[in-house]
Amino acid sequence: MITVQNTIDASIDKVWNFWILPEHIQNWNYPFDEWHTPHAENDLQVKGKFKYKMAAKDKSESFDFEGEYTKVEKFKLIEYKLLDDRTGSVLFENYGDKVKITEVFEPTKNDSESMQKNW
């Protein structure tokens, strides 16, 4: 499993909305500056689906990142299962004017674990 963490200087409401709303997901969900997310769909509920189209800005490559939510606790926890059966979770810890986000996920078999940690 890979674990990544970050602390955001914002309220839990703002951080949560930026994490879950498609129009915001498109602004942050890409591994490198040369990539972007031209399309995002998100139905945040248990058994709800998500699908993000990730693409190189030069149009040389693209892929869909998609799965289903298995657990949702508003402002606290999101658990999911990807189409390839890998699982992950995102924990939100509210500290008033800051939110610590911890994401834990299974790495892909196609890319090295160290590369995936740096995304």
PDB file of N, CA and C in Angstrom:
ATOM      1  N   MET A   1       0.844  -1.184   0.000  1.00  0.00           N
ATOM      2  CA  MET A   1       0.000   0.000   0.000  1.00  0.00           C
ATOM      3  C   MET A   1       0.887   1.243   0.000  1.00  0.00           C
ATOM      4  N   ILE A   2       0.391   2.273  -0.646  1.00  0.00           N
ATOM      5  CA  ILE A   2       1.070   3.561  -0.676  1.00  0.00           C
ATOM      6  C   ILE A   2       0.250   4.535   0.153  1.00  0.00           C
ATOM      7  N   THR A   3       0.916   5.325   0.978  1.00  0.00           N
ATOM      8  CA  THR A   3       0.252   6.336   1.789  1.00  0.00           C
ATOM      9  C   THR A   3       0.816   7.699   1.435  1.00  0.00           C
ATOM     10  N   VAL A   4      -0.076   8.638   1.149  1.00  0.00           N
ATOM     11  CA  VAL A   4       0.319  10.031   0.915  1.00  0.00           C
ATOM     12  C   VAL A   4      -0.520  10.921   1.817  1.00  0.00           C
ATOM     13  N   GLN A   5       0.117  11.986   2.323  1.00  0.00           N
ATOM     14  CA  GLN A   5      -0.570  12.898   3.229  1.00  0.00           C
ATOM     15  C   GLN A   5      -0.270  14.334   2.853  1.00  0.00           C
ATOM     16  N   ASN A   6      -1.228  15.199   3.183  1.00  0.00           N
ATOM     17  CA  ASN A   6      -1.021  16.625   3.017  1.00  0.00           C
ATOM     18  C   ASN A   6      -1.955  17.343   3.980  1.00  0.00           C
ATOM     19  N   THR A   7      -1.548  18.501   4.437  1.00  0.00           N
ATOM     20  CA  THR A   7      -2.389  19.331   5.288  1.00  0.00           C
ATOM     21  C   THR A   7      -2.733  20.591   4.511  1.00  0.00           C
ATOM     22  N   ILE A   8      -4.018  20.894   4.456  1.00  0.00           N
ATOM     23  CA  ILE A   8      -4.538  22.019   3.688  1.00  0.00           C
ATOM     24  C   ILE A   8      -5.019  23.092   4.657  1.00  0.00           C
ATOM     25  N   ASP A   9      -4.619  24.331   4.418  1.00  0.00           N
ATOM     26  CA  ASP A   9      -5.062  25.466   5.230  1.00  0.00           C
ATOM     27  C   ASP A   9      -6.414  25.951   4.727  1.00  0.00           C
ATOM     28  N   ALA A  10      -7.470  25.249   5.125  1.00  0.00           N
ATOM     29  CA  ALA A  10      -8.835  25.612   4.732  1.00  0.00           C
ATOM     30  C   ALA A  10      -9.808  24.843   5.620  1.00  0.00           C
ATOM     31  N   SER A  11     -11.063  25.239   5.573  1.00  0.00           N
ATOM     32  CA  SER A  11     -12.099  24.566   6.360  1.00  0.00           C
ATOM     33  C   SER A  11     -12.415  23.199   5.753  1.00  0.00           C
ATOM     34  N   ILE A  12     -12.994  22.325   6.560  1.00  0.00           N
ATOM     35  CA  ILE A  12     -13.369  20.993   6.084  1.00  0.00           C
ATOM     36  C   ILE A  12     -14.402  21.093   4.960  1.00  0.00           C
ATOM     37  N   ASP A  13     -15.338  22.044   5.053  1.00  0.00           N
ATOM     38  CA  ASP A  13     -16.340  22.212   3.984  1.00  0.00           C
ATOM     39  C   ASP A  13     -15.667  22.482   2.645  1.00  0.00           C
ATOM     40  N   LYS A  14     -14.716  23.397   2.646  1.00  0.00           N
ATOM     41  CA  LYS A  14     -14.045  23.772   1.399  1.00  0.00           C
ATOM     42  C   LYS A  14     -13.204  22.619   0.859  1.00  0.00           C
ATOM     43  N   VAL A  15     -12.423  21.982   1.730  1.00  0.00           N
ATOM     44  CA  VAL A  15     -11.573  20.866   1.302  1.00  0.00           C
ATOM     45  C   VAL A  15     -12.436  19.728   0.763  1.00  0.00           C
ATOM     46  N   TRP A  16     -13.497  19.379   1.456  1.00  0.00           N
ATOM     47  CA  TRP A  16     -14.395  18.304   1.024  1.00  0.00           C
ATOM     48  C   TRP A  16     -14.963  18.603  -0.359  1.00  0.00           C
ATOM     49  N   ASN A  17     -15.478  19.817  -0.550  1.00  0.00           N
ATOM     50  CA  ASN A  17     -16.062  20.170  -1.850  1.00  0.00           C
ATOM     51  C   ASN A  17     -15.027  20.145  -2.968  1.00  0.00           C
ATOM     52  N   PHE A  18     -13.820  20.613  -2.691  1.00  0.00           N
ATOM     53  CA  PHE A  18     -12.789  20.582  -3.724  1.00  0.00           C
ATOM     54  C   PHE A  18     -12.391  19.143  -4.050  1.00  0.00           C
ATOM     55  N   TRP A  19     -12.515  18.246  -3.088  1.00  0.00           N
ATOM     56  CA  TRP A  19     -12.171  16.839  -3.309  1.00  0.00           C
ATOM     57  C   TRP A  19     -13.238  16.101  -4.108  1.00  0.00           C
ATOM     58  N   ILE A  20     -14.519  16.446  -3.930  1.00  0.00           N
ATOM     59  CA  ILE A  20     -15.597  15.617  -4.480  1.00  0.00           C
ATOM     60  C   ILE A  20     -16.324  16.195  -5.686  1.00  0.00           C
ATOM     61  N   LEU A  21     -16.304  17.502  -5.892  1.00  0.00           N
ATOM     62  CA  LEU A  21     -17.072  18.091  -6.991  1.00  0.00           C
ATOM     63  C   LEU A  21     -16.290  18.021  -8.305  1.00  0.00           C
ATOM     64  N   PRO A  22     -16.919  17.488  -9.372  1.00  0.00           N
ATOM     65  CA  PRO A  22     -16.217  17.297 -10.641  1.00  0.00           C
ATOM     66  C   PRO A  22     -15.515  18.538 -11.170  1.00  0.00           C
ATOM     67  N   GLU A  23     -16.139  19.707 -11.036  1.00  0.00           N
ATOM     68  CA  GLU A  23     -15.504  20.919 -11.562  1.00  0.00           C
ATOM     69  C   GLU A  23     -14.209  21.267 -10.830  1.00  0.00           C
ATOM     70  N   HIS A  24     -14.076  20.818  -9.601  1.00  0.00           N
ATOM     71  CA  HIS A  24     -12.828  21.029  -8.856  1.00  0.00           C
ATOM     72  C   HIS A  24     -11.844  19.895  -9.102  1.00  0.00           C
ATOM     73  N   ILE A  25     -12.349  18.669  -9.186  1.00  0.00           N
ATOM     74  CA  ILE A  25     -11.494  17.506  -9.460  1.00  0.00           C
ATOM     75  C   ILE A  25     -10.692  17.745 -10.737  1.00  0.00           C
ATOM     76  N   GLN A  26     -11.325  18.343 -11.728  1.00  0.00           N
ATOM     77  CA  GLN A  26     -10.643  18.614 -13.000  1.00  0.00           C
ATOM     78  C   GLN A  26      -9.463  19.561 -12.833  1.00  0.00           C
ATOM     79  N   ASN A  27      -9.445  20.346 -11.769  1.00  0.00           N
ATOM     80  CA  ASN A  27      -8.364  21.314 -11.554  1.00  0.00           C
ATOM     81  C   ASN A  27      -7.163  20.763 -10.801  1.00  0.00           C
ATOM     82  N   TRP A  28      -7.293  19.615 -10.141  1.00  0.00           N
ATOM     83  CA  TRP A  28      -6.155  19.110  -9.354  1.00  0.00           C
ATOM     84  C   TRP A  28      -5.800  17.648  -9.633  1.00  0.00           C
ATOM     85  N   ASN A  29      -6.639  16.905 -10.290  1.00  0.00           N
ATOM     86  CA  ASN A  29      -6.452  15.460 -10.428  1.00  0.00           C
ATOM     87  C   ASN A  29      -5.601  15.095 -11.643  1.00  0.00           C
ATOM     88  N   TYR A  30      -4.304  15.308 -11.543  1.00  0.00           N
ATOM     89  CA  TYR A  30      -3.386  14.872 -12.594  1.00  0.00           C
ATOM     90  C   TYR A  30      -1.996  14.731 -11.979  1.00  0.00           C
ATOM     91  N   PRO A  31      -1.212  13.768 -12.473  1.00  0.00           N
ATOM     92  CA  PRO A  31       0.071  13.462 -11.833  1.00  0.00           C
ATOM     93  C   PRO A  31       1.206  14.419 -12.194  1.00  0.00           C
ATOM     94  N   PHE A  32       1.136  15.047 -13.355  1.00  0.00           N
ATOM     95  CA  PHE A  32       2.221  15.909 -13.828  1.00  0.00           C
ATOM     96  C   PHE A  32       1.627  17.159 -14.464  1.00  0.00           C
ATOM     97  N   ASP A  33       2.396  18.226 -14.537  1.00  0.00           N
ATOM     98  CA  ASP A  33       1.914  19.472 -15.148  1.00  0.00           C
ATOM     99  C   ASP A  33       1.562  19.297 -16.624  1.00  0.00           C
ATOM    100  N   GLU A  34       2.138  18.296 -17.278  1.00  0.00           N
ATOM    101  CA  GLU A  34       1.872  18.048 -18.695  1.00  0.00           C
ATOM    102  C   GLU A  34       0.550  17.321 -18.917  1.00  0.00           C
ATOM    103  N   TRP A  35      -0.128  16.948 -17.842  1.00  0.00           N
ATOM    104  CA  TRP A  35      -1.395  16.227 -17.908  1.00  0.00           C
ATOM    105  C   TRP A  35      -2.520  17.111 -17.381  1.00  0.00           C
ATOM    106  N   HIS A  36      -3.756  16.673 -17.648  1.00  0.00           N
ATOM    107  CA  HIS A  36      -4.927  17.332 -17.098  1.00  0.00           C
ATOM    108  C   HIS A  36      -6.073  16.324 -17.011  1.00  0.00           C
ATOM    109  N   THR A  37      -7.168  16.763 -16.434  1.00  0.00           N
ATOM    110  CA  THR A  37      -8.366  15.928 -16.331  1.00  0.00           C
ATOM    111  C   THR A  37      -9.485  16.656 -17.060  1.00  0.00           C
ATOM    112  N   PRO A  38      -9.676  16.357 -18.354  1.00  0.00           N
ATOM    113  CA  PRO A  38     -10.677  17.086 -19.126  1.00  0.00           C
ATOM    114  C   PRO A  38     -12.121  16.733 -18.773  1.00  0.00           C
ATOM    115  N   HIS A  39     -12.336  15.596 -18.080  1.00  0.00           N
ATOM    116  CA  HIS A  39     -13.704  15.185 -17.735  1.00  0.00           C
ATOM    117  C   HIS A  39     -13.688  14.428 -16.409  1.00  0.00           C
ATOM    118  N   ALA A  40     -14.654  14.734 -15.560  1.00  0.00           N
ATOM    119  CA  ALA A  40     -14.798  14.022 -14.286  1.00  0.00           C
ATOM    120  C   ALA A  40     -16.277  13.812 -13.983  1.00  0.00           C
ATOM    121  N   GLU A  41     -16.588  12.612 -13.522  1.00  0.00           N
ATOM    122  CA  GLU A  41     -17.931  12.274 -13.049  1.00  0.00           C
ATOM    123  C   GLU A  41     -17.774  11.736 -11.644  1.00  0.00           C
ATOM    124  N   ASN A  42     -18.688  12.088 -10.734  1.00  0.00           N
ATOM    125  CA  ASN A  42     -18.552  11.632  -9.360  1.00  0.00           C
ATOM    126  C   ASN A  42     -19.915  11.538  -8.695  1.00  0.00           C
ATOM    127  N   ASP A  43     -20.289  10.324  -8.301  1.00  0.00           N
ATOM    128  CA  ASP A  43     -21.535  10.066  -7.577  1.00  0.00           C
ATOM    129  C   ASP A  43     -21.143   9.554  -6.198  1.00  0.00           C
ATOM    130  N   LEU A  44     -20.882  10.474  -5.282  1.00  0.00           N
ATOM    131  CA  LEU A  44     -20.329  10.133  -3.974  1.00  0.00           C
ATOM    132  C   LEU A  44     -21.406   9.585  -3.039  1.00  0.00           C
ATOM    133  N   GLN A  45     -21.580   8.276  -3.121  1.00  0.00           N
ATOM    134  CA  GLN A  45     -22.444   7.520  -2.225  1.00  0.00           C
ATOM    135  C   GLN A  45     -22.020   6.059  -2.335  1.00  0.00           C
ATOM    136  N   VAL A  46     -22.356   5.272  -1.337  1.00  0.00           N
ATOM    137  CA  VAL A  46     -22.015   3.858  -1.389  1.00  0.00           C
ATOM    138  C   VAL A  46     -22.641   3.256  -2.644  1.00  0.00           C
ATOM    139  N   LYS A  47     -21.844   2.537  -3.413  1.00  0.00           N
ATOM    140  CA  LYS A  47     -22.179   1.950  -4.714  1.00  0.00           C
ATOM    141  C   LYS A  47     -22.241   2.990  -5.827  1.00  0.00           C
ATOM    142  N   GLY A  48     -21.965   4.251  -5.492  1.00  0.00           N
ATOM    143  CA  GLY A  48     -21.887   5.285  -6.519  1.00  0.00           C
ATOM    144  C   GLY A  48     -20.579   5.143  -7.280  1.00  0.00           C
ATOM    145  N   LYS A  49     -20.577   5.597  -8.513  1.00  0.00           N
ATOM    146  CA  LYS A  49     -19.407   5.441  -9.393  1.00  0.00           C
ATOM    147  C   LYS A  49     -18.674   6.769  -9.555  1.00  0.00           C
ATOM    148  N   PHE A  50     -17.383   6.654  -9.856  1.00  0.00           N
ATOM    149  CA  PHE A  50     -16.597   7.816 -10.249  1.00  0.00           C
ATOM    150  C   PHE A  50     -15.799   7.448 -11.485  1.00  0.00           C
ATOM    151  N   LYS A  51     -15.544   8.453 -12.315  1.00  0.00           N
ATOM    152  CA  LYS A  51     -14.772   8.241 -13.534  1.00  0.00           C
ATOM    153  C   LYS A  51     -14.089   9.555 -13.892  1.00  0.00           C
ATOM    154  N   TYR A  52     -12.769   9.501 -13.989  1.00  0.00           N
ATOM    155  CA  TYR A  52     -11.980  10.671 -14.353  1.00  0.00           C
ATOM    156  C   TYR A  52     -11.180  10.340 -15.609  1.00  0.00           C
ATOM    157  N   LYS A  53     -11.308  11.157 -16.625  1.00  0.00           N
ATOM    158  CA  LYS A  53     -10.492  11.017 -17.841  1.00  0.00           C
ATOM    159  C   LYS A  53      -9.219  11.813 -17.602  1.00  0.00           C
ATOM    160  N   MET A  54      -8.091  11.131 -17.596  1.00  0.00           N
ATOM    161  CA  MET A  54      -6.797  11.789 -17.431  1.00  0.00           C
ATOM    162  C   MET A  54      -6.090  11.724 -18.772  1.00  0.00           C
ATOM    163  N   ALA A  55      -5.496  12.853 -19.191  1.00  0.00           N
ATOM    164  CA  ALA A  55      -4.914  12.914 -20.529  1.00  0.00           C
ATOM    165  C   ALA A  55      -3.695  13.824 -20.561  1.00  0.00           C
ATOM    166  N   ALA A  56      -2.764  13.459 -21.426  1.00  0.00           N
ATOM    167  CA  ALA A  56      -1.632  14.341 -21.684  1.00  0.00           C
ATOM    168  C   ALA A  56      -2.158  15.559 -22.441  1.00  0.00           C
ATOM    169  N   LYS A  57      -1.648  16.735 -22.088  1.00  0.00           N
ATOM    170  CA  LYS A  57      -2.106  17.958 -22.751  1.00  0.00           C
ATOM    171  C   LYS A  57      -1.787  17.958 -24.239  1.00  0.00           C
ATOM    172  N   ASP A  58      -0.727  17.236 -24.623  1.00  0.00           N
ATOM    173  CA  ASP A  58      -0.383  17.166 -26.050  1.00  0.00           C
ATOM    174  C   ASP A  58      -1.200  16.094 -26.790  1.00  0.00           C
ATOM    175  N   LYS A  59      -2.152  15.458 -26.098  1.00  0.00           N
ATOM    176  CA  LYS A  59      -3.076  14.462 -26.650  1.00  0.00           C
ATOM    177  C   LYS A  59      -2.403  13.152 -27.063  1.00  0.00           C
ATOM    178  N   SER A  60      -1.180  12.908 -26.563  1.00  0.00           N
ATOM    179  CA  SER A  60      -0.461  11.690 -26.927  1.00  0.00           C
ATOM    180  C   SER A  60      -0.948  10.454 -26.166  1.00  0.00           C
ATOM    181  N   GLU A  61      -1.514  10.650 -24.973  1.00  0.00           N
ATOM    182  CA  GLU A  61      -1.981   9.524 -24.158  1.00  0.00           C
ATOM    183  C   GLU A  61      -3.179   9.958 -23.337  1.00  0.00           C
ATOM    184  N   SER A  62      -3.985   8.974 -22.936  1.00  0.00           N
ATOM    185  CA  SER A  62      -5.065   9.227 -21.990  1.00  0.00           C
ATOM    186  C   SER A  62      -5.517   7.901 -21.389  1.00  0.00           C
ATOM    187  N   PHE A  63      -6.180   7.977 -20.260  1.00  0.00           N
ATOM    188  CA  PHE A  63      -6.770   6.791 -19.655  1.00  0.00           C
ATOM    189  C   PHE A  63      -7.897   7.219 -18.733  1.00  0.00           C
ATOM    190  N   ASP A  64      -8.798   6.274 -18.434  1.00  0.00           N
ATOM    191  CA  ASP A  64      -9.878   6.504 -17.492  1.00  0.00           C
ATOM    192  C   ASP A  64      -9.500   5.894 -16.152  1.00  0.00           C
ATOM    193  N   PHE A  65      -9.746   6.644 -15.094  1.00  0.00           N
ATOM    194  CA  PHE A  65      -9.543   6.188 -13.729  1.00  0.00           C
ATOM    195  C   PHE A  65     -10.946   6.088 -13.148  1.00  0.00           C
ATOM    196  N   GLU A  66     -11.381   4.844 -12.864  1.00  0.00           N
ATOM    197  CA  GLU A  66     -12.766   4.702 -12.430  1.00  0.00           C
ATOM    198  C   GLU A  66     -12.961   3.582 -11.435  1.00  0.00           C
ATOM    199  N   GLY A  67     -14.028   3.728 -10.665  1.00  0.00           N
ATOM    200  CA  GLY A  67     -14.338   2.738  -9.658  1.00  0.00           C
ATOM    201  C   GLY A  67     -15.665   3.027  -8.989  1.00  0.00           C
ATOM    202  N   GLU A  68     -15.818   2.413  -7.814  1.00  0.00           N
ATOM    203  CA  GLU A  68     -17.075   2.492  -7.068  1.00  0.00           C
ATOM    204  C   GLU A  68     -16.762   2.751  -5.600  1.00  0.00           C
ATOM    205  N   TYR A  69     -17.598   3.554  -4.972  1.00  0.00           N
ATOM    206  CA  TYR A  69     -17.422   3.843  -3.550  1.00  0.00           C
ATOM    207  C   TYR A  69     -17.979   2.702  -2.710  1.00  0.00           C
ATOM    208  N   THR A  70     -17.225   2.314  -1.697  1.00  0.00           N
ATOM    209  CA  THR A  70     -17.646   1.241  -0.799  1.00  0.00           C
ATOM    210  C   THR A  70     -18.024   1.754   0.590  1.00  0.00           C
ATOM    211  N   LYS A  71     -17.553   2.948   0.944  1.00  0.00           N
ATOM    212  CA  LYS A  71     -17.903   3.553   2.227  1.00  0.00           C
ATOM    213  C   LYS A  71     -17.729   5.063   2.107  1.00  0.00           C
ATOM    214  N   VAL A  72     -18.709   5.813   2.613  1.00  0.00           N
ATOM    215  CA  VAL A  72     -18.641   7.272   2.603  1.00  0.00           C
ATOM    216  C   VAL A  72     -19.146   7.791   3.935  1.00  0.00           C
ATOM    217  N   GLU A  73     -18.294   8.529   4.634  1.00  0.00           N
ATOM    218  CA  GLU A  73     -18.666   9.232   5.858  1.00  0.00           C
ATOM    219  C   GLU A  73     -18.333  10.700   5.623  1.00  0.00           C
ATOM    220  N   LYS A  74     -19.372  11.510   5.427  1.00  0.00           N
ATOM    221  CA  LYS A  74     -19.190  12.913   5.054  1.00  0.00           C
ATOM    222  C   LYS A  74     -18.207  13.612   5.988  1.00  0.00           C
ATOM    223  N   PHE A  75     -17.264  14.316   5.379  1.00  0.00           N
ATOM    224  CA  PHE A  75     -16.218  15.086   6.060  1.00  0.00           C
ATOM    225  C   PHE A  75     -15.202  14.215   6.801  1.00  0.00           C
ATOM    226  N   LYS A  76     -15.269  12.878   6.654  1.00  0.00           N
ATOM    227  CA  LYS A  76     -14.370  12.003   7.413  1.00  0.00           C
ATOM    228  C   LYS A  76     -13.634  10.973   6.569  1.00  0.00           C
ATOM    229  N   LEU A  77     -14.369  10.187   5.786  1.00  0.00           N
ATOM    230  CA  LEU A  77     -13.756   9.021   5.155  1.00  0.00           C
ATOM    231  C   LEU A  77     -14.440   8.678   3.840  1.00  0.00           C
ATOM    232  N   ILE A  78     -13.609   8.331   2.855  1.00  0.00           N
ATOM    233  CA  ILE A  78     -14.092   7.797   1.574  1.00  0.00           C
ATOM    234  C   ILE A  78     -13.282   6.535   1.294  1.00  0.00           C
ATOM    235  N   GLU A  79     -13.963   5.422   1.039  1.00  0.00           N
ATOM    236  CA  GLU A  79     -13.296   4.183   0.631  1.00  0.00           C
ATOM    237  C   GLU A  79     -13.825   3.802  -0.743  1.00  0.00           C
ATOM    238  N   TYR A  80     -12.948   3.216  -1.557  1.00  0.00           N
ATOM    239  CA  TYR A  80     -13.332   2.905  -2.934  1.00  0.00           C
ATOM    240  C   TYR A  80     -12.651   1.638  -3.422  1.00  0.00           C
ATOM    241  N   LYS A  81     -13.212   1.117  -4.522  1.00  0.00           N
ATOM    242  CA  LYS A  81     -12.640  -0.036  -5.210  1.00  0.00           C
ATOM    243  C   LYS A  81     -12.570   0.328  -6.684  1.00  0.00           C
ATOM    244  N   LEU A  82     -11.395   0.189  -7.270  1.00  0.00           N
ATOM    245  CA  LEU A  82     -11.207   0.490  -8.684  1.00  0.00           C
ATOM    246  C   LEU A  82     -11.667  -0.680  -9.546  1.00  0.00           C
ATOM    247  N   LEU A  83     -11.836  -0.441 -10.832  1.00  0.00           N
ATOM    248  CA  LEU A  83     -12.293  -1.500 -11.748  1.00  0.00           C
ATOM    249  C   LEU A  83     -11.350  -2.697 -11.765  1.00  0.00           C
ATOM    250  N   ASP A  84     -10.051  -2.475 -11.503  1.00  0.00           N
ATOM    251  CA  ASP A  84      -9.103  -3.591 -11.493  1.00  0.00           C
ATOM    252  C   ASP A  84      -8.994  -4.253 -10.119  1.00  0.00           C
ATOM    253  N   ASP A  85      -9.958  -3.970  -9.233  1.00  0.00           N
ATOM    254  CA  ASP A  85     -10.080  -4.554  -7.889  1.00  0.00           C
ATOM    255  C   ASP A  85      -9.098  -4.010  -6.860  1.00  0.00           C
ATOM    256  N   ARG A  86      -8.284  -3.018  -7.214  1.00  0.00           N
ATOM    257  CA  ARG A  86      -7.458  -2.375  -6.192  1.00  0.00           C
ATOM    258  C   ARG A  86      -8.370  -1.517  -5.317  1.00  0.00           C
ATOM    259  N   THR A  87      -7.973  -1.323  -4.069  1.00  0.00           N
ATOM    260  CA  THR A  87      -8.780  -0.546  -3.137  1.00  0.00           C
ATOM    261  C   THR A  87      -7.990   0.654  -2.629  1.00  0.00           C
ATOM    262  N   GLY A  88      -8.725   1.591  -2.061  1.00  0.00           N
ATOM    263  CA  GLY A  88      -8.089   2.761  -1.488  1.00  0.00           C
ATOM    264  C   GLY A  88      -9.023   3.453  -0.514  1.00  0.00           C
ATOM    265  N   SER A  89      -8.457   4.387   0.241  1.00  0.00           N
ATOM    266  CA  SER A  89      -9.255   5.175   1.179  1.00  0.00           C
ATOM    267  C   SER A  89      -8.650   6.565   1.303  1.00  0.00           C
ATOM    268  N   VAL A  90      -9.513   7.513   1.658  1.00  0.00           N
ATOM    269  CA  VAL A  90      -9.093   8.885   1.900  1.00  0.00           C
ATOM    270  C   VAL A  90      -9.686   9.299   3.235  1.00  0.00           C
ATOM    271  N   LEU A  91      -8.803   9.644   4.184  1.00  0.00           N
ATOM    272  CA  LEU A  91      -9.214  10.071   5.520  1.00  0.00           C
ATOM    273  C   LEU A  91      -9.042  11.575   5.628  1.00  0.00           C
ATOM    274  N   PHE A  92     -10.075  12.259   6.128  1.00  0.00           N
ATOM    275  CA  PHE A  92     -10.050  13.699   6.332  1.00  0.00           C
ATOM    276  C   PHE A  92     -10.064  13.961   7.838  1.00  0.00           C
ATOM    277  N   GLU A  93      -9.024  14.608   8.346  1.00  0.00           N
ATOM    278  CA  GLU A  93      -8.955  14.948   9.766  1.00  0.00           C
ATOM    279  C   GLU A  93      -9.096  16.461   9.898  1.00  0.00           C
ATOM    280  N   ASN A  94     -10.183  16.878  10.552  1.00  0.00           N
ATOM    281  CA  ASN A  94     -10.535  18.283  10.672  1.00  0.00           C
ATOM    282  C   ASN A  94      -9.884  18.898  11.906  1.00  0.00           C
ATOM    283  N   TYR A  95      -9.074  19.945  11.693  1.00  0.00           N
ATOM    284  CA  TYR A  95      -8.442  20.678  12.783  1.00  0.00           C
ATOM    285  C   TYR A  95      -8.900  22.131  12.782  1.00  0.00           C
ATOM    286  N   GLY A  96     -10.158  22.374  12.421  1.00  0.00           N
ATOM    287  CA  GLY A  96     -10.714  23.723  12.426  1.00  0.00           C
ATOM    288  C   GLY A  96     -10.352  24.503  11.186  1.00  0.00           C
ATOM    289  N   ASP A  97      -9.192  25.147  11.183  1.00  0.00           N
ATOM    290  CA  ASP A  97      -8.773  25.935  10.022  1.00  0.00           C
ATOM    291  C   ASP A  97      -7.803  25.175   9.126  1.00  0.00           C
ATOM    292  N   LYS A  98      -7.601  23.883   9.427  1.00  0.00           N
ATOM    293  CA  LYS A  98      -6.732  23.020   8.625  1.00  0.00           C
ATOM    294  C   LYS A  98      -7.369  21.642   8.519  1.00  0.00           C
ATOM    295  N   VAL A  99      -7.060  20.952   7.423  1.00  0.00           N
ATOM    296  CA  VAL A  99      -7.540  19.586   7.234  1.00  0.00           C
ATOM    297  C   VAL A  99      -6.363  18.735   6.775  1.00  0.00           C
ATOM    298  N   LYS A 100      -6.127  17.648   7.492  1.00  0.00           N
ATOM    299  CA  LYS A 100      -5.099  16.685   7.088  1.00  0.00           C
ATOM    300  C   LYS A 100      -5.787  15.594   6.266  1.00  0.00           C
ATOM    301  N   ILE A 101      -5.276  15.384   5.058  1.00  0.00           N
ATOM    302  CA  ILE A 101      -5.806  14.356   4.165  1.00  0.00           C
ATOM    303  C   ILE A 101      -4.773  13.231   4.086  1.00  0.00           C
ATOM    304  N   THR A 102      -5.213  12.003   4.322  1.00  0.00           N
ATOM    305  CA  THR A 102      -4.351  10.831   4.192  1.00  0.00           C
ATOM    306  C   THR A 102      -5.014   9.870   3.214  1.00  0.00           C
ATOM    307  N   GLU A 103      -4.332   9.617   2.102  1.00  0.00           N
ATOM    308  CA  GLU A 103      -4.844   8.657   1.124  1.00  0.00           C
ATOM    309  C   GLU A 103      -3.954   7.425   1.135  1.00  0.00           C
ATOM    310  N   VAL A 104      -4.582   6.268   1.190  1.00  0.00           N
ATOM    311  CA  VAL A 104      -3.894   4.979   1.168  1.00  0.00           C
ATOM    312  C   VAL A 104      -4.468   4.197  -0.012  1.00  0.00           C
ATOM    313  N   PHE A 105      -3.582   3.673  -0.879  1.00  0.00           N
ATOM    314  CA  PHE A 105      -4.076   2.942  -2.040  1.00  0.00           C
ATOM    315  C   PHE A 105      -3.086   1.876  -2.471  1.00  0.00           C
ATOM    316  N   GLU A 106      -3.615   0.878  -3.154  1.00  0.00           N
ATOM    317  CA  GLU A 106      -2.778  -0.185  -3.712  1.00  0.00           C
ATOM    318  C   GLU A 106      -2.115   0.337  -4.982  1.00  0.00           C
ATOM    319  N   PRO A 107      -0.816   0.112  -5.131  1.00  0.00           N
ATOM    320  CA  PRO A 107      -0.138   0.573  -6.345  1.00  0.00           C
ATOM    321  C   PRO A 107      -0.533  -0.273  -7.553  1.00  0.00           C
ATOM    322  N   THR A 108      -0.379   0.314  -8.740  1.00  0.00           N
ATOM    323  CA  THR A 108      -0.582  -0.462  -9.953  1.00  0.00           C
ATOM    324  C   THR A 108       0.607  -1.392 -10.135  1.00  0.00           C
ATOM    325  N   LYS A 109       0.421  -2.412 -10.908  1.00  0.00           N
ATOM    326  CA  LYS A 109       1.521  -3.335 -11.180  1.00  0.00           C
ATOM    327  C   LYS A 109       2.367  -2.848 -12.359  1.00  0.00           C
ATOM    328  N   ASN A 110       1.832  -1.895 -13.146  1.00  0.00           N
ATOM    329  CA  ASN A 110       2.521  -1.412 -14.340  1.00  0.00           C
ATOM    330  C   ASN A 110       3.597  -0.381 -14.065  1.00  0.00           C
ATOM    331  N   ASP A 111       3.461   0.379 -12.973  1.00  0.00           N
ATOM    332  CA  ASP A 111       4.396   1.450 -12.654  1.00  0.00           C
ATOM    333  C   ASP A 111       5.067   1.162 -11.316  1.00  0.00           C
ATOM    334  N   SER A 112       6.304   1.608 -11.166  1.00  0.00           N
ATOM    335  CA  SER A 112       7.021   1.353  -9.926  1.00  0.00           C
ATOM    336  C   SER A 112       6.329   2.064  -8.759  1.00  0.00           C
ATOM    337  N   GLU A 113       6.458   1.478  -7.574  1.00  0.00           N
ATOM    338  CA  GLU A 113       5.843   2.061  -6.388  1.00  0.00           C
ATOM    339  C   GLU A 113       6.439   3.439  -6.096  1.00  0.00           C
ATOM    340  N   SER A 114       7.753   3.605  -6.288  1.00  0.00           N
ATOM    341  CA  SER A 114       8.376   4.901  -6.016  1.00  0.00           C
ATOM    342  C   SER A 114       7.848   5.970  -6.972  1.00  0.00           C
ATOM    343  N   MET A 115       7.601   5.614  -8.221  1.00  0.00           N
ATOM    344  CA  MET A 115       7.041   6.573  -9.169  1.00  0.00           C
ATOM    345  C   MET A 115       5.627   6.988  -8.749  1.00  0.00           C
ATOM    346  N   GLN A 116       4.835   6.013  -8.299  1.00  0.00           N
ATOM    347  CA  GLN A 116       3.471   6.297  -7.902  1.00  0.00           C
ATOM    348  C   GLN A 116       3.422   7.157  -6.635  1.00  0.00           C
ATOM    349  N   LYS A 117       4.372   6.995  -5.741  1.00  0.00           N
ATOM    350  CA  LYS A 117       4.436   7.835  -4.541  1.00  0.00           C
ATOM    351  C   LYS A 117       4.706   9.287  -4.902  1.00  0.00           C
ATOM    352  N   ASN A 118       5.483   9.509  -5.961  1.00  0.00           N
ATOM    353  CA  ASN A 118       5.825  10.871  -6.369  1.00  0.00           C
ATOM    354  C   ASN A 118       4.743  11.560  -7.179  1.00  0.00           C
ATOM    355  N   TRP A 119       3.714  10.829  -7.648  1.00  0.00           N
ATOM    356  CA  TRP A 119       2.634  11.438  -8.406  1.00  0.00           C
ATOM    357  C   TRP A 119       1.919  12.357  -7.493  1.00  0.00           C
TER     358      TRP A 119
END
